[in-house]
Amino acid sequence: MKQAMLGALGLASLAAAPSYSPIECGKPYVAFHERLRHRAATISGERLAAFHRGSLRIFDACDAGHLDNVEARLVELEIRLLSAPSHLN
C-alpha cells in the first residue's frame, strides 16, 4: 500500500511539472561565430579567445535553460567587439 501511494505521488508530481519549451541556442551561436569570423584577422588572438569564451558561456546558459534571449546577449557581445578601441583589437 505504501509503495502504491509513493508511486501515485511520483506520477502526480511528474504531471504537475511545468512543460518545458526548448529555446534555440545553436543557430544564434553559429551565426555569431560566422559574423566574428569575418573580423578575425583584425582582432588580437587574446581578444578573439575572450569573445569565444564569452559566447560559449552564453550558449551554455541558454542550453541549461537559464537564458531566454540568447540572440540579444550575443548581439551585446558583438557590440562590445565593435565598440572596442582600436588598440584592443
PDB file of N, CA and C in Angstrom:
ATOM      1  N   MET A   1       0.825  -1.198   0.000  1.00  0.00           N
ATOM      2  CA  MET A   1       0.000   0.000   0.000  1.00  0.00           C
ATOM      3  C   MET A   1       0.863   1.253   0.000  1.00  0.00           C
ATOM      4  N   LYS A   2       1.906   1.212   0.816  1.00  0.00           N
ATOM      5  CA  LYS A   2       2.799   2.366   0.920  1.00  0.00           C
ATOM      6  C   LYS A   2       3.489   2.622  -0.419  1.00  0.00           C
ATOM      7  N   GLN A   3       3.895   1.557  -1.099  1.00  0.00           N
ATOM      8  CA  GLN A   3       4.559   1.708  -2.401  1.00  0.00           C
ATOM      9  C   GLN A   3       3.599   2.272  -3.442  1.00  0.00           C
ATOM     10  N   ALA A   4       2.353   1.867  -3.387  1.00  0.00           N
ATOM     11  CA  ALA A   4       1.357   2.374  -4.327  1.00  0.00           C
ATOM     12  C   ALA A   4       1.138   3.870  -4.127  1.00  0.00           C
ATOM     13  N   MET A   5       1.102   4.289  -2.874  1.00  0.00           N
ATOM     14  CA  MET A   5       0.924   5.719  -2.591  1.00  0.00           C
ATOM     15  C   MET A   5       2.125   6.530  -3.076  1.00  0.00           C
ATOM     16  N   LEU A   6       3.321   6.018  -2.835  1.00  0.00           N
ATOM     17  CA  LEU A   6       4.515   6.713  -3.295  1.00  0.00           C
ATOM     18  C   LEU A   6       4.564   6.770  -4.818  1.00  0.00           C
ATOM     19  N   GLY A   7       4.159   5.695  -5.462  1.00  0.00           N
ATOM     20  CA  GLY A   7       4.115   5.678  -6.919  1.00  0.00           C
ATOM     21  C   GLY A   7       3.129   6.690  -7.458  1.00  0.00           C
ATOM     22  N   ALA A   8       1.958   6.748  -6.843  1.00  0.00           N
ATOM     23  CA  ALA A   8       0.943   7.710  -7.268  1.00  0.00           C
ATOM     24  C   ALA A   8       1.418   9.139  -7.035  1.00  0.00           C
ATOM     25  N   LEU A   9       2.090   9.357  -5.921  1.00  0.00           N
ATOM     26  CA  LEU A   9       2.627  10.686  -5.630  1.00  0.00           C
ATOM     27  C   LEU A   9       3.695  11.078  -6.643  1.00  0.00           C
ATOM     28  N   GLY A  10       4.533  10.118  -7.012  1.00  0.00           N
ATOM     29  CA  GLY A  10       5.570  10.384  -8.015  1.00  0.00           C
ATOM     30  C   GLY A  10       4.974  10.731  -9.364  1.00  0.00           C
ATOM     31  N   LEU A  11       3.957  10.003  -9.778  1.00  0.00           N
ATOM     32  CA  LEU A  11       3.294  10.294 -11.052  1.00  0.00           C
ATOM     33  C   LEU A  11       2.590  11.645 -11.017  1.00  0.00           C
ATOM     34  N   ALA A  12       1.990  11.972  -9.899  1.00  0.00           N
ATOM     35  CA  ALA A  12       1.312  13.262  -9.766  1.00  0.00           C
ATOM     36  C   ALA A  12       2.309  14.415  -9.862  1.00  0.00           C
ATOM     37  N   SER A  13       3.485  14.228  -9.285  1.00  0.00           N
ATOM     38  CA  SER A  13       4.483  15.305  -9.357  1.00  0.00           C
ATOM     39  C   SER A  13       5.009  15.475 -10.773  1.00  0.00           C
ATOM     40  N   LEU A  14       5.115  14.387 -11.512  1.00  0.00           N
ATOM     41  CA  LEU A  14       5.541  14.499 -12.908  1.00  0.00           C
ATOM     42  C   LEU A  14       4.481  15.191 -13.756  1.00  0.00           C
ATOM     43  N   ALA A  15       3.239  14.898 -13.493  1.00  0.00           N
ATOM     44  CA  ALA A  15       2.151  15.519 -14.247  1.00  0.00           C
ATOM     45  C   ALA A  15       2.040  17.002 -13.939  1.00  0.00           C
ATOM     46  N   ALA A  16       2.404  17.394 -12.725  1.00  0.00           N
ATOM     47  CA  ALA A  16       2.293  18.798 -12.322  1.00  0.00           C
ATOM     48  C   ALA A  16       3.502  19.620 -12.749  1.00  0.00           C
ATOM     49  N   ALA A  17       4.546  18.985 -13.259  1.00  0.00           N
ATOM     50  CA  ALA A  17       5.750  19.714 -13.666  1.00  0.00           C
ATOM     51  C   ALA A  17       5.427  20.621 -14.843  1.00  0.00           C
ATOM     52  N   PRO A  18       5.960  21.827 -14.840  1.00  0.00           N
ATOM     53  CA  PRO A  18       5.686  22.740 -15.953  1.00  0.00           C
ATOM     54  C   PRO A  18       6.285  22.202 -17.245  1.00  0.00           C
ATOM     55  N   SER A  19       5.604  22.455 -18.322  1.00  0.00           N
ATOM     56  CA  SER A  19       6.122  21.991 -19.607  1.00  0.00           C
ATOM     57  C   SER A  19       7.299  22.878 -20.020  1.00  0.00           C
ATOM     58  N   TYR A  20       8.275  22.264 -20.606  1.00  0.00           N
ATOM     59  CA  TYR A  20       9.490  22.979 -20.999  1.00  0.00           C
ATOM     60  C   TYR A  20       9.481  23.154 -22.495  1.00  0.00           C
ATOM     61  N   SER A  21       9.571  24.395 -22.948  1.00  0.00           N
ATOM     62  CA  SER A  21       9.667  24.648 -24.380  1.00  0.00           C
ATOM     63  C   SER A  21      11.109  25.044 -24.681  1.00  0.00           C
ATOM     64  N   PRO A  22      11.813  24.203 -25.403  1.00  0.00           N
ATOM     65  CA  PRO A  22      13.230  24.467 -25.646  1.00  0.00           C
ATOM     66  C   PRO A  22      13.443  25.728 -26.487  1.00  0.00           C
ATOM     67  N   ILE A  23      14.491  26.433 -26.157  1.00  0.00           N
ATOM     68  CA  ILE A  23      14.874  27.644 -26.878  1.00  0.00           C
ATOM     69  C   ILE A  23      16.000  27.272 -27.826  1.00  0.00           C
ATOM     70  N   GLU A  24      15.968  27.794 -29.020  1.00  0.00           N
ATOM     71  CA  GLU A  24      17.019  27.521 -29.992  1.00  0.00           C
ATOM     72  C   GLU A  24      18.280  28.269 -29.581  1.00  0.00           C
ATOM     73  N   CYS A  25      19.309  27.537 -29.235  1.00  0.00           N
ATOM     74  CA  CYS A  25      20.569  28.132 -28.787  1.00  0.00           C
ATOM     75  C   CYS A  25      21.652  28.032 -29.854  1.00  0.00           C
ATOM     76  N   GLY A  26      21.619  26.980 -30.633  1.00  0.00           N
ATOM     77  CA  GLY A  26      22.699  26.706 -31.580  1.00  0.00           C
ATOM     78  C   GLY A  26      22.761  27.657 -32.749  1.00  0.00           C
ATOM     79  N   LYS A  27      21.626  27.974 -33.340  1.00  0.00           N
ATOM     80  CA  LYS A  27      21.632  28.835 -34.544  1.00  0.00           C
ATOM     81  C   LYS A  27      22.186  30.232 -34.258  1.00  0.00           C
ATOM     82  N   PRO A  28      21.741  30.910 -33.189  1.00  0.00           N
ATOM     83  CA  PRO A  28      22.325  32.221 -32.904  1.00  0.00           C
ATOM     84  C   PRO A  28      23.813  32.147 -32.584  1.00  0.00           C
ATOM     85  N   TYR A  29      24.225  31.089 -31.911  1.00  0.00           N
ATOM     86  CA  TYR A  29      25.645  30.896 -31.574  1.00  0.00           C
ATOM     87  C   TYR A  29      26.485  30.733 -32.839  1.00  0.00           C
ATOM     88  N   VAL A  30      26.032  29.912 -33.755  1.00  0.00           N
ATOM     89  CA  VAL A  30      26.756  29.697 -35.018  1.00  0.00           C
ATOM     90  C   VAL A  30      26.767  30.981 -35.843  1.00  0.00           C
ATOM     91  N   ALA A  31      25.642  31.689 -35.883  1.00  0.00           N
ATOM     92  CA  ALA A  31      25.576  32.944 -36.644  1.00  0.00           C
ATOM     93  C   ALA A  31      26.547  33.973 -36.074  1.00  0.00           C
ATOM     94  N   PHE A  32      26.658  34.035 -34.741  1.00  0.00           N
ATOM     95  CA  PHE A  32      27.605  34.950 -34.116  1.00  0.00           C
ATOM     96  C   PHE A  32      29.026  34.637 -34.568  1.00  0.00           C
ATOM     97  N   HIS A  33      29.376  33.363 -34.572  1.00  0.00           N
ATOM     98  CA  HIS A  33      30.737  32.987 -34.965  1.00  0.00           C
ATOM     99  C   HIS A  33      30.989  33.198 -36.453  1.00  0.00           C
ATOM    100  N   GLU A  34      29.960  33.097 -37.264  1.00  0.00           N
ATOM    101  CA  GLU A  34      30.108  33.419 -38.690  1.00  0.00           C
ATOM    102  C   GLU A  34      30.423  34.906 -38.863  1.00  0.00           C
ATOM    103  N   ARG A  35      29.706  35.747 -38.120  1.00  0.00           N
ATOM    104  CA  ARG A  35      29.970  37.188 -38.202  1.00  0.00           C
ATOM    105  C   ARG A  35      31.350  37.520 -37.634  1.00  0.00           C
ATOM    106  N   LEU A  36      31.737  36.851 -36.577  1.00  0.00           N
ATOM    107  CA  LEU A  36      33.027  37.084 -35.935  1.00  0.00           C
ATOM    108  C   LEU A  36      34.177  36.631 -36.832  1.00  0.00           C
ATOM    109  N   ARG A  37      33.948  35.571 -37.580  1.00  0.00           N
ATOM    110  CA  ARG A  37      34.992  35.026 -38.454  1.00  0.00           C
ATOM    111  C   ARG A  37      35.449  36.056 -39.496  1.00  0.00           C
ATOM    112  N   HIS A  38      34.542  36.901 -39.952  1.00  0.00           N
ATOM    113  CA  HIS A  38      34.879  37.909 -40.954  1.00  0.00           C
ATOM    114  C   HIS A  38      35.800  38.994 -40.396  1.00  0.00           C
ATOM    115  N   ARG A  39      35.797  39.156 -39.064  1.00  0.00           N
ATOM    116  CA  ARG A  39      36.651  40.175 -38.435  1.00  0.00           C
ATOM    117  C   ARG A  39      37.866  39.570 -37.745  1.00  0.00           C
ATOM    118  N   ALA A  40      38.018  38.275 -37.799  1.00  0.00           N
ATOM    119  CA  ALA A  40      39.054  37.584 -37.024  1.00  0.00           C
ATOM    120  C   ALA A  40      40.461  38.057 -37.356  1.00  0.00           C
ATOM    121  N   ALA A  41      40.706  38.442 -38.581  1.00  0.00           N
ATOM    122  CA  ALA A  41      42.053  38.863 -38.976  1.00  0.00           C
ATOM    123  C   ALA A  41      42.453  40.190 -38.332  1.00  0.00           C
ATOM    124  N   THR A  42      41.480  40.975 -37.929  1.00  0.00           N
ATOM    125  CA  THR A  42      41.783  42.292 -37.361  1.00  0.00           C
ATOM    126  C   THR A  42      41.743  42.307 -35.836  1.00  0.00           C
ATOM    127  N   ILE A  43      41.485  41.175 -35.220  1.00  0.00           N
ATOM    128  CA  ILE A  43      41.355  41.093 -33.763  1.00  0.00           C
ATOM    129  C   ILE A  43      42.545  40.322 -33.199  1.00  0.00           C
ATOM    130  N   SER A  44      43.059  40.790 -32.069  1.00  0.00           N
ATOM    131  CA  SER A  44      44.173  40.069 -31.444  1.00  0.00           C
ATOM    132  C   SER A  44      43.706  38.686 -30.986  1.00  0.00           C
ATOM    133  N   GLY A  45      44.640  37.769 -30.911  1.00  0.00           N
ATOM    134  CA  GLY A  45      44.307  36.413 -30.505  1.00  0.00           C
ATOM    135  C   GLY A  45      43.717  36.340 -29.113  1.00  0.00           C
ATOM    136  N   GLU A  46      44.259  37.145 -28.211  1.00  0.00           N
ATOM    137  CA  GLU A  46      43.754  37.162 -26.836  1.00  0.00           C
ATOM    138  C   GLU A  46      42.311  37.648 -26.783  1.00  0.00           C
ATOM    139  N   ARG A  47      42.030  38.700 -27.526  1.00  0.00           N
ATOM    140  CA  ARG A  47      40.665  39.246 -27.550  1.00  0.00           C
ATOM    141  C   ARG A  47      39.709  38.283 -28.248  1.00  0.00           C
ATOM    142  N   LEU A  48      40.166  37.653 -29.309  1.00  0.00           N
ATOM    143  CA  LEU A  48      39.338  36.689 -30.017  1.00  0.00           C
ATOM    144  C   LEU A  48      38.986  35.511 -29.103  1.00  0.00           C
ATOM    145  N   ALA A  49      39.958  35.041 -28.342  1.00  0.00           N
ATOM    146  CA  ALA A  49      39.706  33.944 -27.402  1.00  0.00           C
ATOM    147  C   ALA A  49      38.701  34.367 -26.338  1.00  0.00           C
ATOM    148  N   ALA A  50      38.798  35.612 -25.877  1.00  0.00           N
ATOM    149  CA  ALA A  50      37.856  36.109 -24.871  1.00  0.00           C
ATOM    150  C   ALA A  50      36.431  36.128 -25.422  1.00  0.00           C
ATOM    151  N   PHE A  51      36.263  36.510 -26.683  1.00  0.00           N
ATOM    152  CA  PHE A  51      34.930  36.522 -27.281  1.00  0.00           C
ATOM    153  C   PHE A  51      34.393  35.113 -27.491  1.00  0.00           C
ATOM    154  N   HIS A  52      35.266  34.188 -27.833  1.00  0.00           N
ATOM    155  CA  HIS A  52      34.829  32.795 -27.959  1.00  0.00           C
ATOM    156  C   HIS A  52      34.381  32.249 -26.600  1.00  0.00           C
ATOM    157  N   ARG A  53      35.137  32.555 -25.542  1.00  0.00           N
ATOM    158  CA  ARG A  53      34.744  32.101 -24.204  1.00  0.00           C
ATOM    159  C   ARG A  53      33.417  32.726 -23.778  1.00  0.00           C
ATOM    160  N   GLY A  54      33.267  34.021 -24.051  1.00  0.00           N
ATOM    161  CA  GLY A  54      32.018  34.707 -23.690  1.00  0.00           C
ATOM    162  C   GLY A  54      30.819  34.141 -24.419  1.00  0.00           C
ATOM    163  N   SER A  55      30.993  33.883 -25.706  1.00  0.00           N
ATOM    164  CA  SER A  55      29.872  33.339 -26.470  1.00  0.00           C
ATOM    165  C   SER A  55      29.549  31.917 -26.028  1.00  0.00           C
ATOM    166  N   LEU A  56      30.556  31.151 -25.649  1.00  0.00           N
ATOM    167  CA  LEU A  56      30.308  29.799 -25.158  1.00  0.00           C
ATOM    168  C   LEU A  56      29.567  29.820 -23.820  1.00  0.00           C
ATOM    169  N   ARG A  57      29.886  30.787 -22.969  1.00  0.00           N
ATOM    170  CA  ARG A  57      29.155  30.927 -21.697  1.00  0.00           C
ATOM    171  C   ARG A  57      27.685  31.260 -21.959  1.00  0.00           C
ATOM    172  N   ILE A  58      27.446  32.131 -22.927  1.00  0.00           N
ATOM    173  CA  ILE A  58      26.071  32.483 -23.285  1.00  0.00           C
ATOM    174  C   ILE A  58      25.344  31.256 -23.815  1.00  0.00           C
ATOM    175  N   PHE A  59      26.007  30.490 -24.685  1.00  0.00           N
ATOM    176  CA  PHE A  59      25.398  29.280 -25.224  1.00  0.00           C
ATOM    177  C   PHE A  59      25.087  28.289 -24.102  1.00  0.00           C
ATOM    178  N   ASP A  60      26.033  28.087 -23.201  1.00  0.00           N
ATOM    179  CA  ASP A  60      25.829  27.141 -22.096  1.00  0.00           C
ATOM    180  C   ASP A  60      24.664  27.566 -21.210  1.00  0.00           C
ATOM    181  N   ALA A  61      24.555  28.860 -20.928  1.00  0.00           N
ATOM    182  CA  ALA A  61      23.441  29.352 -20.108  1.00  0.00           C
ATOM    183  C   ALA A  61      22.112  29.122 -20.817  1.00  0.00           C
ATOM    184  N   CYS A  62      22.085  29.337 -22.108  1.00  0.00           N
ATOM    185  CA  CYS A  62      20.871  29.094 -22.887  1.00  0.00           C
ATOM    186  C   CYS A  62      20.541  27.613 -22.900  1.00  0.00           C
ATOM    187  N   ASP A  63      21.533  26.795 -23.143  1.00  0.00           N
ATOM    188  CA  ASP A  63      21.327  25.353 -23.219  1.00  0.00           C
ATOM    189  C   ASP A  63      20.846  24.773 -21.885  1.00  0.00           C
ATOM    190  N   ALA A  64      21.267  25.373 -20.790  1.00  0.00           N
ATOM    191  CA  ALA A  64      20.841  24.925 -19.463  1.00  0.00           C
ATOM    192  C   ALA A  64      19.455  25.460 -19.102  1.00  0.00           C
ATOM    193  N   GLY A  65      18.922  26.372 -19.926  1.00  0.00           N
ATOM    194  CA  GLY A  65      17.599  26.923 -19.662  1.00  0.00           C
ATOM    195  C   GLY A  65      17.603  28.151 -18.788  1.00  0.00           C
ATOM    196  N   HIS A  66      18.775  28.753 -18.574  1.00  0.00           N
ATOM    197  CA  HIS A  66      18.880  29.922 -17.699  1.00  0.00           C
ATOM    198  C   HIS A  66      18.813  31.243 -18.454  1.00  0.00           C
ATOM    199  N   LEU A  67      18.724  31.174 -19.767  1.00  0.00           N
ATOM    200  CA  LEU A  67      18.759  32.388 -20.581  1.00  0.00           C
ATOM    201  C   LEU A  67      17.654  32.295 -21.623  1.00  0.00           C
ATOM    202  N   ASP A  68      16.816  33.314 -21.680  1.00  0.00           N
ATOM    203  CA  ASP A  68      15.700  33.295 -22.619  1.00  0.00           C
ATOM    204  C   ASP A  68      16.064  33.852 -23.987  1.00  0.00           C
ATOM    205  N   ASN A  69      16.824  34.937 -24.015  1.00  0.00           N
ATOM    206  CA  ASN A  69      17.096  35.597 -25.285  1.00  0.00           C
ATOM    207  C   ASN A  69      18.582  35.542 -25.606  1.00  0.00           C
ATOM    208  N   VAL A  70      19.015  34.431 -26.139  1.00  0.00           N
ATOM    209  CA  VAL A  70      20.428  34.244 -26.463  1.00  0.00           C
ATOM    210  C   VAL A  70      20.874  35.210 -27.554  1.00  0.00           C
ATOM    211  N   GLU A  71      19.989  35.503 -28.489  1.00  0.00           N
ATOM    212  CA  GLU A  71      20.326  36.405 -29.590  1.00  0.00           C
ATOM    213  C   GLU A  71      20.717  37.790 -29.072  1.00  0.00           C
ATOM    214  N   ALA A  72      19.946  38.317 -28.119  1.00  0.00           N
ATOM    215  CA  ALA A  72      20.233  39.644 -27.570  1.00  0.00           C
ATOM    216  C   ALA A  72      21.584  39.667 -26.852  1.00  0.00           C
ATOM    217  N   ARG A  73      21.892  38.611 -26.114  1.00  0.00           N
ATOM    218  CA  ARG A  73      23.182  38.558 -25.410  1.00  0.00           C
ATOM    219  C   ARG A  73      24.348  38.483 -26.385  1.00  0.00           C
ATOM    220  N   LEU A  74      24.191  37.730 -27.458  1.00  0.00           N
ATOM    221  CA  LEU A  74      25.266  37.643 -28.448  1.00  0.00           C
ATOM    222  C   LEU A  74      25.439  38.957 -29.200  1.00  0.00           C
ATOM    223  N   VAL A  75      24.336  39.666 -29.433  1.00  0.00           N
ATOM    224  CA  VAL A  75      24.427  40.984 -30.070  1.00  0.00           C
ATOM    225  C   VAL A  75      25.158  41.958 -29.149  1.00  0.00           C
ATOM    226  N   GLU A  76      24.875  41.891 -27.839  1.00  0.00           N
ATOM    227  CA  GLU A  76      25.593  42.739 -26.879  1.00  0.00           C
ATOM    228  C   GLU A  76      27.094  42.461 -26.917  1.00  0.00           C
ATOM    229  N   LEU A  77      27.445  41.185 -26.999  1.00  0.00           N
ATOM    230  CA  LEU A  77      28.852  40.804 -27.071  1.00  0.00           C
ATOM    231  C   LEU A  77      29.480  41.331 -28.357  1.00  0.00           C
ATOM    232  N   GLU A  78      28.750  41.257 -29.456  1.00  0.00           N
ATOM    233  CA  GLU A  78      29.256  41.760 -30.736  1.00  0.00           C
ATOM    234  C   GLU A  78      29.412  43.279 -30.711  1.00  0.00           C
ATOM    235  N   ILE A  79      28.496  43.971 -30.062  1.00  0.00           N
ATOM    236  CA  ILE A  79      28.606  45.431 -29.947  1.00  0.00           C
ATOM    237  C   ILE A  79      29.855  45.798 -29.159  1.00  0.00           C
ATOM    238  N   ARG A  80      30.147  45.024 -28.099  1.00  0.00           N
ATOM    239  CA  ARG A  80      31.386  45.274 -27.346  1.00  0.00           C
ATOM    240  C   ARG A  80      32.605  45.108 -28.233  1.00  0.00           C
ATOM    241  N   LEU A  81      32.556  44.155 -29.124  1.00  0.00           N
ATOM    242  CA  LEU A  81      33.663  43.944 -30.054  1.00  0.00           C
ATOM    243  C   LEU A  81      33.811  45.129 -30.999  1.00  0.00           C
ATOM    244  N   LEU A  82      32.701  45.604 -31.520  1.00  0.00           N
ATOM    245  CA  LEU A  82      32.746  46.704 -32.484  1.00  0.00           C
ATOM    246  C   LEU A  82      33.096  48.039 -31.834  1.00  0.00           C
ATOM    247  N   SER A  83      32.726  48.212 -30.570  1.00  0.00           N
ATOM    248  CA  SER A  83      32.959  49.494 -29.926  1.00  0.00           C
ATOM    249  C   SER A  83      34.286  49.539 -29.178  1.00  0.00           C
ATOM    250  N   ALA A  84      35.064  48.479 -29.225  1.00  0.00           N
ATOM    251  CA  ALA A  84      36.350  48.450 -28.527  1.00  0.00           C
ATOM    252  C   ALA A  84      37.343  49.400 -29.200  1.00  0.00           C
ATOM    253  N   PRO A  85      38.171  50.076 -28.417  1.00  0.00           N
ATOM    254  CA  PRO A  85      39.201  50.924 -29.004  1.00  0.00           C
ATOM    255  C   PRO A  85      40.103  50.105 -29.924  1.00  0.00           C
ATOM    256  N   SER A  86      40.605  50.726 -30.959  1.00  0.00           N
ATOM    257  CA  SER A  86      41.374  50.015 -31.976  1.00  0.00           C
ATOM    258  C   SER A  86      42.629  49.352 -31.417  1.00  0.00           C
ATOM    259  N   HIS A  87      43.232  49.887 -30.349  1.00  0.00           N
ATOM    260  CA  HIS A  87      44.440  49.268 -29.800  1.00  0.00           C
ATOM    261  C   HIS A  87      44.151  47.948 -29.079  1.00  0.00           C
ATOM    262  N   LEU A  88      42.848  47.668 -28.792  1.00  0.00           N
ATOM    263  CA  LEU A  88      42.481  46.412 -28.157  1.00  0.00           C
ATOM    264  C   LEU A  88      42.168  45.328 -29.171  1.00  0.00           C
ATOM    265  N   ASN A  89      41.980  45.691 -30.406  1.00  0.00           N
ATOM    266  CA  ASN A  89      41.650  44.701 -31.444  1.00  0.00           C
ATOM    267  C   ASN A  89      42.867  44.007 -31.953  1.00  0.00           C
TER     268      ASN A  89
END
